[in-house]
Structure formats: structure tokens, C-alpha cells
Amino acid sequence: MADRIELDRLLSFGKKIELEVAEIACETSTSILIEWNRQNAWFQKKKVRIEQRENSVVVTMPKWLFERKFS
């Protein structure tokens, strides 16, 4: 599944991270699973913003949360 997820861009805007991935790996009513850089991490939906685009999904989150999950 990690091969299907491609990072199109990763932008840091001060205290926010915008992560663009091909798709959400898994989703529940309260959480989403993101696969990035061959790593998996669950995020609570209330702590991130999810924006569906034509060919990708953009997940915006606090920088500290991104660093905690993917560092």
C-alpha cells in the first residue's frame, strides 16, 4: 500500500504542515490513516483538515503533530 501513496508535496507554513498524498489509506468515523515516506500514522479527524482534490488528498495539521507522528 505504501507504494500507492506518493508524496506530491510537503509544505511548511510556520506552525502548519500541508501534506498531499494520493489517498487516505484507511478511515474510521473519527480517524484517518496516512502513509507517508514508508511510514504509517493515525490522526484524529478533529486535529487535521482534510481537503479532497481531483487526484489527491491534502491533509493540513499542526507542525508539532506531524513531527510527533513522522519523526
C-alpha atoms as a PDB file:
ATOM      1  CA  MET A   1       0.000   0.000   0.000  1.00  0.00           C
ATOM      2  CA  ALA A   2       2.901   2.378   0.725  1.00  0.00           C
ATOM      3  CA  ASP A   3       3.888   2.180  -2.941  1.00  0.00           C
ATOM      4  CA  ARG A   4       0.466   3.530  -3.927  1.00  0.00           C
ATOM      5  CA  ILE A   5       0.846   6.544  -1.682  1.00  0.00           C
ATOM      6  CA  GLU A   6       3.022   9.181  -3.270  1.00  0.00           C
ATOM      7  CA  LEU A   7       4.072  12.421  -1.700  1.00  0.00           C
ATOM      8  CA  ASP A   8       3.401  15.175  -4.207  1.00  0.00           C
ATOM      9  CA  ARG A   9       4.479  17.965  -1.940  1.00  0.00           C
ATOM     10  CA  LEU A  10       5.170  18.824   1.657  1.00  0.00           C
ATOM     11  CA  LEU A  11       4.992  22.473   2.619  1.00  0.00           C
ATOM     12  CA  SER A  12       5.679  24.047   5.958  1.00  0.00           C
ATOM     13  CA  PHE A  13       3.798  27.265   6.722  1.00  0.00           C
ATOM     14  CA  GLY A  14       5.057  28.282  10.145  1.00  0.00           C
ATOM     15  CA  LYS A  15       3.057  26.163  12.539  1.00  0.00           C
ATOM     16  CA  LYS A  16       1.097  24.176   9.925  1.00  0.00           C
ATOM     17  CA  ILE A  17       2.102  21.322   7.645  1.00  0.00           C
ATOM     18  CA  GLU A  18       0.273  20.619   4.418  1.00  0.00           C
ATOM     19  CA  LEU A  19       0.757  17.026   3.291  1.00  0.00           C
ATOM     20  CA  GLU A  20      -0.533  15.990  -0.129  1.00  0.00           C
ATOM     21  CA  VAL A  21      -0.951  12.238  -0.661  1.00  0.00           C
ATOM     22  CA  ALA A  22      -2.600  10.141  -3.354  1.00  0.00           C
ATOM     23  CA  GLU A  23      -5.237   8.788  -0.956  1.00  0.00           C
ATOM     24  CA  ILE A  24      -6.210   8.145   2.657  1.00  0.00           C
ATOM     25  CA  ALA A  25      -5.014   4.609   3.450  1.00  0.00           C
ATOM     26  CA  CYS A  26      -7.823   3.881   5.921  1.00  0.00           C
ATOM     27  CA  GLU A  27     -10.609   5.877   7.541  1.00  0.00           C
ATOM     28  CA  THR A  28     -12.908   5.459  10.525  1.00  0.00           C
ATOM     29  CA  SER A  29     -15.595   7.799  11.789  1.00  0.00           C
ATOM     30  CA  THR A  30     -13.055   9.611  14.000  1.00  0.00           C
ATOM     31  CA  SER A  31      -9.597   8.945  12.471  1.00  0.00           C
ATOM     32  CA  ILE A  32      -7.613   8.627   9.263  1.00  0.00           C
ATOM     33  CA  LEU A  33      -4.507   6.602   8.440  1.00  0.00           C
ATOM     34  CA  ILE A  34      -1.856   8.368   6.358  1.00  0.00           C
ATOM     35  CA  GLU A  35       1.019   6.543   4.718  1.00  0.00           C
ATOM     36  CA  TRP A  36       3.957   8.838   4.036  1.00  0.00           C
ATOM     37  CA  ASN A  37       7.605   8.113   3.358  1.00  0.00           C
ATOM     38  CA  ARG A  38       7.041   4.374   4.066  1.00  0.00           C
ATOM     39  CA  GLN A  39       5.604   5.194   7.499  1.00  0.00           C
ATOM     40  CA  ASN A  40       2.027   4.925   8.789  1.00  0.00           C
ATOM     41  CA  ALA A  41       0.336   7.226  11.264  1.00  0.00           C
ATOM     42  CA  TRP A  42      -3.209   7.605  12.559  1.00  0.00           C
ATOM     43  CA  PHE A  43      -4.618  11.115  13.001  1.00  0.00           C
ATOM     44  CA  GLN A  44      -7.791  12.197  14.742  1.00  0.00           C
ATOM     45  CA  LYS A  45     -10.062  13.977  12.283  1.00  0.00           C
ATOM     46  CA  LYS A  46     -10.716  16.763  14.772  1.00  0.00           C
ATOM     47  CA  LYS A  47      -6.993  17.670  14.765  1.00  0.00           C
ATOM     48  CA  VAL A  48      -6.495  17.798  10.985  1.00  0.00           C
ATOM     49  CA  ARG A  49      -8.188  19.381   7.986  1.00  0.00           C
ATOM     50  CA  ILE A  50      -8.871  17.099   5.024  1.00  0.00           C
ATOM     51  CA  GLU A  51      -9.356  18.505   1.542  1.00  0.00           C
ATOM     52  CA  GLN A  52     -10.206  16.208  -1.372  1.00  0.00           C
ATOM     53  CA  ARG A  53      -8.681  17.351  -4.656  1.00  0.00           C
ATOM     54  CA  GLU A  54      -9.102  15.945  -8.126  1.00  0.00           C
ATOM     55  CA  ASN A  55      -6.238  13.403  -7.943  1.00  0.00           C
ATOM     56  CA  SER A  56      -5.064  13.660  -4.343  1.00  0.00           C
ATOM     57  CA  VAL A  57      -5.930  14.430  -0.732  1.00  0.00           C
ATOM     58  CA  VAL A  58      -4.421  17.347   1.190  1.00  0.00           C
ATOM     59  CA  VAL A  59      -4.162  16.930   4.955  1.00  0.00           C
ATOM     60  CA  THR A  60      -3.284  20.060   6.942  1.00  0.00           C
ATOM     61  CA  MET A  61      -2.121  19.615  10.519  1.00  0.00           C
ATOM     62  CA  PRO A  62      -0.137  21.359  13.245  1.00  0.00           C
ATOM     63  CA  LYS A  63       3.620  21.077  12.737  1.00  0.00           C
ATOM     64  CA  TRP A  64       4.107  19.536  16.200  1.00  0.00           C
ATOM     65  CA  LEU A  65       1.638  16.753  15.354  1.00  0.00           C
ATOM     66  CA  PHE A  66       3.388  15.927  12.085  1.00  0.00           C
ATOM     67  CA  GLU A  67       6.768  15.831  13.844  1.00  0.00           C
ATOM     68  CA  ARG A  68       5.416  13.607  16.619  1.00  0.00           C
ATOM     69  CA  LYS A  69       3.950  11.073  14.180  1.00  0.00           C
ATOM     70  CA  PHE A  70       6.640  11.008  11.481  1.00  0.00           C
ATOM     71  CA  SER A  71       9.923  11.830  13.258  1.00  0.00           C
END
